[in-house]
Amino acid sequence: MSKLSSEAEYWNRVSGGWHVRGYSNKLLGEHKRKTYLNLLARWVDITAMQRILKTDLFAEAFVVEQFLFDIAQENSNIIAFDVASEIVTFAKSNAERHGVNGGEYLCCDVKHIPLQDNSIDLIISDSTLDHFPTEADIITALMELGRVLRTDGVLILSIDNKRNLSYPPYFLIRLWMWLKLSPYFIGRTLALSKLKHVLEEIGLNVEESTAILHYPHPDGLVRWLEHSLRKLGRGKFDNAISRTLACLEGMEKRRIKYLTGRYIAVKAVKRR
């Protein structure tokens, strides 16, 4: 079995059991959705883009945090893809339920995108590349994204932030996955300095960088805490939880943001 086939098979298995496991965090998901929409609004004019590419459809298939259908209301010239056919199918179905009839949905690998060189105006990649086992895979994917991006096109990318004070050493992440405490594979990531260096090497100038989603690891503990408080309070704590998350997001304005944000996010523009 090829590496691509095994990756697709793995994510198809994850998608098949997602609803069975009952992962549902409405307030946390809504907070993530708003955070990404705010970031996009600050960094780019969605309506001005002729072709938009979105990597990874997992959120659009299963969770509240998706934001693709929101931007599709402003600009339907969207191509989105995922390596797993089941995830693509679920995402397309959800798009129809959200009233999004435009756009094109593909099944492909981010390291091998079936699009022409210099054909995309805006690429949005939200925590897609931090699910690979090696840094070399991340760099290969970045090169492929750079290939399809047109001159002066914009890449907005987020990836796990290893400088976060609560980000565990990778051997603990591996143990976490071995104990089946993570719902999916957690891969490697790049430090901000190395990410900037790689992007510069492949012809993209990093114009903006920040850190987003300022709540601690591990993700499972935060999800359990939100779920427990909502169940215990029967909705009475919902506003307090949302306000707390919004307050924590204010850490992005602080000098220590790279120590508290779960993800680093960059805006890079392809050079002439």
Protein backbone atom coordinates (compact mmCIF):
# COMPACT_ATOMS: atom_id res chain seq x y z
CA MET A 1 0.00 0.00 0.00
CA SER A 2 1.35 3.45 -0.94
CA LYS A 3 1.91 6.15 1.67
CA LEU A 4 -0.87 8.25 0.16
CA SER A 5 -3.32 5.34 0.26
CA SER A 6 -2.47 4.59 3.89
CA GLU A 7 -2.99 8.24 4.87
CA ALA A 8 -6.37 8.32 3.14
CA GLU A 9 -7.39 5.02 4.73
CA TYR A 10 -6.37 6.25 8.18
CA TRP A 11 -8.41 9.46 7.96
CA ASN A 12 -11.37 7.57 6.53
CA ARG A 13 -11.28 5.35 9.64
CA VAL A 14 -11.13 8.42 11.89
CA SER A 15 -14.09 9.98 10.11
CA GLY A 16 -16.07 6.76 10.33
CA GLY A 17 -15.94 6.73 14.12
CA TRP A 18 -16.14 10.45 14.83
CA HIS A 19 -19.87 10.70 15.58
CA VAL A 20 -19.76 7.42 17.48
CA ARG A 21 -17.18 8.87 19.88
CA GLY A 22 -19.44 11.85 20.53
CA TYR A 23 -16.91 14.67 20.19
CA SER A 24 -18.98 17.82 20.42
CA ASN A 25 -17.83 21.14 21.85
CA LYS A 26 -20.23 23.81 20.68
CA LEU A 27 -18.79 26.78 22.55
CA LEU A 28 -15.15 25.94 21.91
CA GLY A 29 -15.90 25.28 18.25
CA GLU A 30 -17.76 28.58 17.90
CA HIS A 31 -14.83 30.39 19.51
CA LYS A 32 -12.41 28.82 17.01
CA ARG A 33 -14.69 29.75 14.11
CA LYS A 34 -14.89 33.39 15.18
CA THR A 35 -11.13 33.55 15.78
CA TYR A 36 -10.32 32.37 12.27
CA LEU A 37 -12.93 34.62 10.67
CA ASN A 38 -11.53 37.61 12.55
CA LEU A 39 -7.99 36.73 11.47
CA LEU A 40 -9.03 36.45 7.81
CA ALA A 41 -10.92 39.75 7.98
CA ARG A 42 -7.78 41.47 9.31
CA TRP A 43 -5.39 40.03 6.75
CA VAL A 44 -7.23 39.70 3.45
CA ASP A 45 -10.25 40.87 1.45
CA ILE A 46 -12.12 37.65 0.72
CA THR A 47 -14.42 39.29 -1.83
CA ALA A 48 -11.47 40.42 -3.99
CA MET A 49 -10.09 36.90 -4.54
CA GLN A 50 -10.78 35.16 -7.85
CA ARG A 51 -9.83 31.65 -6.71
CA ILE A 52 -9.59 30.50 -3.10
CA LEU A 53 -8.09 27.17 -2.02
CA LYS A 54 -8.86 25.61 1.37
CA THR A 55 -6.77 22.67 2.62
CA ASP A 56 -8.35 20.02 4.84
CA LEU A 57 -12.12 19.53 5.18
CA PHE A 58 -12.26 17.80 8.56
CA ALA A 59 -13.89 20.74 10.33
CA GLU A 60 -16.36 21.24 7.50
CA ALA A 61 -17.30 17.57 7.74
CA PHE A 62 -17.74 17.21 11.48
CA VAL A 63 -17.26 20.14 13.84
CA VAL A 64 -18.73 23.54 14.68
CA GLU A 65 -15.42 25.35 14.21
CA GLN A 66 -15.60 25.30 10.42
CA PHE A 67 -15.48 28.71 8.75
CA LEU A 68 -15.38 27.79 5.05
CA PHE A 69 -19.14 28.02 4.65
CA ASP A 70 -19.07 31.51 6.15
CA ILE A 71 -16.54 32.83 3.65
CA ALA A 72 -18.37 31.00 0.86
CA GLN A 73 -21.30 33.34 1.48
CA GLU A 74 -18.99 36.21 0.49
CA ASN A 75 -17.08 34.45 -2.29
CA SER A 76 -18.11 31.13 -3.83
CA ASN A 77 -14.98 30.77 -6.00
CA ILE A 78 -13.61 28.14 -3.66
CA ILE A 79 -11.73 24.90 -4.18
CA ALA A 80 -11.40 22.72 -1.09
CA PHE A 81 -9.87 19.30 -0.66
CA ASP A 82 -9.07 16.52 1.76
CA VAL A 83 -7.05 13.33 1.48
CA ALA A 84 -9.98 11.18 2.71
CA SER A 85 -12.95 10.57 0.43
CA GLU A 86 -15.35 10.08 3.36
CA ILE A 87 -14.45 13.49 4.76
CA VAL A 88 -14.99 15.12 1.35
CA THR A 89 -18.42 13.47 1.11
CA PHE A 90 -19.48 14.66 4.57
CA ALA A 91 -18.19 18.18 3.87
CA LYS A 92 -20.10 18.44 0.59
CA SER A 93 -23.27 17.30 2.33
CA ASN A 94 -22.80 19.88 5.11
CA ALA A 95 -22.15 22.60 2.53
CA GLU A 96 -25.56 21.92 1.00
CA ARG A 97 -27.20 22.05 4.44
CA HIS A 98 -25.57 25.46 5.00
CA GLY A 99 -26.95 26.67 1.69
CA VAL A 100 -23.52 26.71 0.01
CA ASN A 101 -24.03 25.45 -3.53
CA GLY A 102 -20.89 26.85 -5.13
CA GLY A 103 -17.33 25.64 -4.82
CA GLU A 104 -15.43 22.55 -5.87
CA TYR A 105 -14.51 19.70 -3.53
CA LEU A 106 -11.59 17.41 -4.34
CA CYS A 107 -10.06 14.29 -2.84
CA CYS A 108 -6.28 14.72 -2.94
CA ASP A 109 -3.15 15.04 -0.83
CA VAL A 110 -1.81 18.48 0.11
CA LYS A 111 1.61 17.24 -1.01
CA HIS A 112 0.27 16.45 -4.50
CA ILE A 113 -2.38 19.01 -5.48
CA PRO A 114 -3.94 18.43 -8.95
CA LEU A 115 -3.95 22.12 -9.88
CA GLN A 116 -1.87 24.14 -12.31
CA ASP A 117 1.07 26.32 -11.28
CA ASN A 118 0.22 29.92 -10.33
CA SER A 119 -3.54 29.30 -10.39
CA ILE A 120 -4.75 30.31 -6.91
CA ASP A 121 -5.17 33.81 -5.43
CA LEU A 122 -5.63 32.84 -1.77
CA ILE A 123 -4.74 29.66 0.12
CA ILE A 124 -6.14 29.05 3.60
CA SER A 125 -4.49 26.21 5.52
CA ASP A 126 -5.70 25.88 9.10
CA SER A 127 -3.78 23.32 11.16
CA THR A 128 -3.46 20.91 8.23
CA LEU A 129 0.30 20.51 8.06
CA ASP A 130 0.78 19.61 11.73
CA HIS A 131 -0.64 16.14 11.17
CA PHE A 132 2.40 14.77 9.33
CA PRO A 133 4.98 12.52 11.00
CA THR A 134 8.03 14.44 9.77
CA GLU A 135 9.16 18.01 9.15
CA ALA A 136 10.13 16.94 5.63
CA ASP A 137 6.44 16.23 4.90
CA ILE A 138 5.53 19.74 6.10
CA ILE A 139 8.16 21.32 3.86
CA THR A 140 7.00 19.26 0.86
CA ALA A 141 3.44 20.45 1.44
CA LEU A 142 4.58 24.08 1.75
CA MET A 143 6.43 23.79 -1.56
CA GLU A 144 3.29 22.43 -3.21
CA LEU A 145 1.17 25.25 -1.81
CA GLY A 146 3.73 27.73 -3.09
CA ARG A 147 3.63 26.11 -6.52
CA VAL A 148 -0.12 26.57 -7.04
CA LEU A 149 -0.17 30.09 -5.57
CA ARG A 150 0.00 32.85 -8.16
CA THR A 151 2.44 35.75 -8.03
CA ASP A 152 1.25 38.24 -5.38
CA GLY A 153 -1.11 35.56 -4.10
CA VAL A 154 -1.61 35.15 -0.36
CA LEU A 155 -1.08 32.13 1.89
CA ILE A 156 -2.69 32.23 5.34
CA LEU A 157 -1.47 29.29 7.38
CA SER A 158 -1.74 28.12 10.97
CA ILE A 159 0.25 25.33 12.59
CA ASP A 160 0.87 23.99 16.11
CA ASN A 161 2.96 26.33 18.24
CA LYS A 162 5.74 24.42 20.00
CA ARG A 163 6.70 27.53 22.02
CA ASN A 164 3.40 27.41 23.87
CA LEU A 165 4.18 26.92 27.55
CA SER A 166 1.73 24.01 27.80
CA TYR A 167 2.84 22.29 24.56
CA PRO A 168 4.19 18.89 25.67
CA PRO A 169 7.42 17.23 24.49
CA TYR A 170 6.74 15.02 21.50
CA PHE A 171 7.45 11.79 23.41
CA LEU A 172 4.47 12.67 25.65
CA ILE A 173 2.35 13.32 22.57
CA ARG A 174 3.34 9.89 21.25
CA LEU A 175 2.39 8.35 24.62
CA TRP A 176 -0.91 10.23 24.55
CA MET A 177 -1.68 8.75 21.13
CA TRP A 178 -0.49 5.26 22.15
CA LEU A 179 -2.95 5.37 25.07
CA LYS A 180 -5.65 6.33 22.54
CA LEU A 181 -6.37 9.57 24.40
CA SER A 182 -6.15 11.56 21.17
CA PRO A 183 -8.92 11.16 18.58
CA TYR A 184 -6.43 11.43 15.71
CA PHE A 185 -2.74 11.55 14.85
CA ILE A 186 -0.82 14.57 16.16
CA GLY A 187 2.16 15.26 13.96
CA ARG A 188 5.27 17.38 13.93
CA THR A 189 5.35 21.15 13.59
CA LEU A 190 7.79 23.95 12.76
CA ALA A 191 8.95 26.78 14.98
CA LEU A 192 7.96 30.20 13.70
CA SER A 193 11.55 31.06 12.75
CA LYS A 194 11.93 27.90 10.68
CA LEU A 195 8.49 28.31 9.09
CA LYS A 196 9.42 31.82 8.00
CA HIS A 197 12.77 30.58 6.65
CA VAL A 198 11.14 27.80 4.61
CA LEU A 199 8.54 30.16 3.18
CA GLU A 200 11.23 32.67 2.21
CA GLU A 201 13.23 29.89 0.55
CA ILE A 202 10.29 28.85 -1.64
CA GLY A 203 9.55 32.42 -2.72
CA LEU A 204 7.03 33.76 -0.21
CA ASN A 205 7.48 36.89 1.90
CA VAL A 206 6.00 36.64 5.40
CA GLU A 207 4.17 39.94 5.97
CA GLU A 208 2.30 39.12 9.18
CA SER A 209 2.61 36.61 11.99
CA THR A 210 0.77 36.06 15.25
CA ALA A 211 -0.39 33.43 17.73
CA ILE A 212 -4.05 32.46 18.12
CA LEU A 213 -6.36 30.38 20.33
CA HIS A 214 -5.00 31.12 23.77
CA TYR A 215 -6.10 28.24 25.95
CA PRO A 216 -3.85 25.47 27.30
CA HIS A 217 -3.03 21.94 26.25
CA PRO A 218 -4.03 19.15 26.33
CA ASP A 219 -6.95 19.60 23.99
CA GLY A 220 -8.81 16.64 25.43
CA LEU A 221 -8.81 18.14 28.93
CA VAL A 222 -10.17 21.47 27.69
CA ARG A 223 -12.87 19.70 25.69
CA TRP A 224 -13.83 17.59 28.70
CA LEU A 225 -13.97 20.67 30.94
CA GLU A 226 -16.24 22.56 28.56
CA HIS A 227 -18.50 19.53 28.09
CA SER A 228 -18.72 18.91 31.86
CA LEU A 229 -19.51 22.53 32.73
CA ARG A 230 -22.21 22.73 30.07
CA LYS A 231 -23.76 19.47 31.24
CA LEU A 232 -23.55 20.45 34.90
CA GLY A 233 -24.95 23.93 34.39
CA ARG A 234 -27.52 22.92 31.75
CA GLY A 235 -26.71 26.04 29.76
CA LYS A 236 -26.34 28.42 32.71
CA PHE A 237 -22.55 28.57 32.32
CA ASP A 238 -22.51 28.98 28.53
CA ASN A 239 -22.13 32.77 28.53
CA ALA A 240 -19.39 32.61 31.16
CA ILE A 241 -17.48 29.99 29.16
CA SER A 242 -17.72 32.05 25.96
CA ARG A 243 -16.63 35.23 27.77
CA THR A 244 -13.67 33.41 29.31
CA LEU A 245 -12.51 32.14 25.92
CA ALA A 246 -12.88 35.63 24.41
CA CYS A 247 -10.94 37.13 27.31
CA LEU A 248 -8.13 34.62 26.87
CA GLU A 249 -7.98 35.48 23.17
CA GLY A 250 -6.99 38.99 24.23
CA MET A 251 -3.57 37.50 24.96
CA GLU A 252 -2.84 37.86 21.24
CA LYS A 253 -2.26 41.57 21.89
CA ARG A 254 0.37 40.86 24.54
CA ARG A 255 4.11 40.50 24.02
CA ILE A 256 3.95 36.97 25.42
CA LYS A 257 1.44 35.79 22.79
CA TYR A 258 3.83 33.18 21.39
CA LEU A 259 4.02 31.58 24.83
CA THR A 260 0.24 31.31 25.23
CA GLY A 261 -1.17 30.75 21.73
CA ARG A 262 -1.85 27.18 20.62
CA TYR A 263 -1.17 27.99 16.97
CA ILE A 264 1.15 30.29 15.11
CA ALA A 265 -0.43 31.94 12.09
CA VAL A 266 1.29 33.67 9.19
CA LYS A 267 0.33 35.68 6.15
CA ALA A 268 2.79 35.16 3.29
CA VAL A 269 2.74 36.71 -0.19
CA LYS A 270 4.35 35.10 -3.23
CA ARG A 271 7.14 37.22 -4.70
CA ARG A 272 7.34 38.29 -8.31
